[in-house]
Amino acid sequence: MLIENQGLWAPARWRSAGGVRINDGGHSYRNPSNAFALPQQRLLEISSALHEES
């Protein structure tokens, strides 16, 4: 019920930039272009924590 009229978000593209995984989503805290984005150091910590060896 809470999200019934939310609609769909636009697709987000993921990429690496300076060792950080970011995307271009307009609602993403991991998009440095958003005014509310996480600081660069925090983005690096998150990317490092989620990194998986292939």
C-alpha atoms as a PDB file:
ATOM      1  CA  MET A   1       0.000   0.000   0.000  1.00  0.00           C
ATOM      2  CA  LEU A   2       2.860   2.404   0.796  1.00  0.00           C
ATOM      3  CA  ILE A   3       4.430   2.156  -2.644  1.00  0.00           C
ATOM      4  CA  GLU A   4       1.320   1.501  -4.712  1.00  0.00           C
ATOM      5  CA  ASN A   5       1.359   4.914  -6.438  1.00  0.00           C
ATOM      6  CA  GLN A   6       5.122   5.410  -6.474  1.00  0.00           C
ATOM      7  CA  GLY A   7       5.616   4.369 -10.080  1.00  0.00           C
ATOM      8  CA  LEU A   8       8.831   2.850 -11.387  1.00  0.00           C
ATOM      9  CA  TRP A   9      12.252   4.383 -11.019  1.00  0.00           C
ATOM     10  CA  ALA A  10      14.274   4.972 -14.128  1.00  0.00           C
ATOM     11  CA  PRO A  11      17.031   2.435 -14.847  1.00  0.00           C
ATOM     12  CA  ALA A  12      20.394   3.176 -13.240  1.00  0.00           C
ATOM     13  CA  ARG A  13      23.741   2.438 -14.859  1.00  0.00           C
ATOM     14  CA  TRP A  14      26.580   1.255 -12.620  1.00  0.00           C
ATOM     15  CA  ARG A  15      30.246   2.076 -13.232  1.00  0.00           C
ATOM     16  CA  SER A  16      33.548   2.342 -11.407  1.00  0.00           C
ATOM     17  CA  ALA A  17      35.206   5.703 -10.823  1.00  0.00           C
ATOM     18  CA  GLY A  18      38.317   6.026  -8.681  1.00  0.00           C
ATOM     19  CA  GLY A  19      37.781   2.638  -7.046  1.00  0.00           C
ATOM     20  CA  VAL A  20      34.166   3.446  -6.162  1.00  0.00           C
ATOM     21  CA  ARG A  21      31.067   1.743  -7.597  1.00  0.00           C
ATOM     22  CA  ILE A  22      28.571   4.480  -8.405  1.00  0.00           C
ATOM     23  CA  ASN A  23      25.397   4.765 -10.454  1.00  0.00           C
ATOM     24  CA  ASP A  24      23.511   7.575 -12.142  1.00  0.00           C
ATOM     25  CA  GLY A  25      20.189   6.988 -10.355  1.00  0.00           C
ATOM     26  CA  GLY A  26      18.362  10.169  -9.391  1.00  0.00           C
ATOM     27  CA  HIS A  27      17.438   8.679  -6.002  1.00  0.00           C
ATOM     28  CA  SER A  28      20.769   7.006  -5.255  1.00  0.00           C
ATOM     29  CA  TYR A  29      23.007   7.905  -2.340  1.00  0.00           C
ATOM     30  CA  ARG A  30      25.807   6.390  -4.436  1.00  0.00           C
ATOM     31  CA  ASN A  31      25.465   8.966  -7.230  1.00  0.00           C
ATOM     32  CA  PRO A  32      27.992  11.766  -6.564  1.00  0.00           C
ATOM     33  CA  SER A  33      25.908  14.145  -8.717  1.00  0.00           C
ATOM     34  CA  ASN A  34      23.050  14.083  -6.202  1.00  0.00           C
ATOM     35  CA  ALA A  35      23.108  16.814  -3.547  1.00  0.00           C
ATOM     36  CA  PHE A  36      22.420  14.198  -0.836  1.00  0.00           C
ATOM     37  CA  ALA A  37      25.095  11.720  -2.001  1.00  0.00           C
ATOM     38  CA  LEU A  38      27.371  10.048   0.505  1.00  0.00           C
ATOM     39  CA  PRO A  39      30.854  11.562   0.866  1.00  0.00           C
ATOM     40  CA  GLN A  40      33.600  10.109  -1.348  1.00  0.00           C
ATOM     41  CA  GLN A  41      35.341   8.353   1.571  1.00  0.00           C
ATOM     42  CA  ARG A  42      32.094   6.652   2.624  1.00  0.00           C
ATOM     43  CA  LEU A  43      31.441   5.544  -0.971  1.00  0.00           C
ATOM     44  CA  LEU A  44      34.927   4.025  -1.054  1.00  0.00           C
ATOM     45  CA  GLU A  45      34.309   2.180   2.231  1.00  0.00           C
ATOM     46  CA  ILE A  46      31.025   0.750   0.923  1.00  0.00           C
ATOM     47  CA  SER A  47      32.568  -0.306  -2.383  1.00  0.00           C
ATOM     48  CA  SER A  48      35.465  -1.978  -0.572  1.00  0.00           C
ATOM     49  CA  ALA A  49      33.122  -3.815   1.793  1.00  0.00           C
ATOM     50  CA  LEU A  50      30.967  -5.101  -1.068  1.00  0.00           C
ATOM     51  CA  HIS A  51      33.839  -5.993  -3.415  1.00  0.00           C
ATOM     52  CA  GLU A  52      33.920  -9.657  -4.374  1.00  0.00           C
ATOM     53  CA  GLU A  53      36.897 -11.412  -5.836  1.00  0.00           C
ATOM     54  CA  SER A  54      36.150 -13.116  -9.159  1.00  0.00           C
END
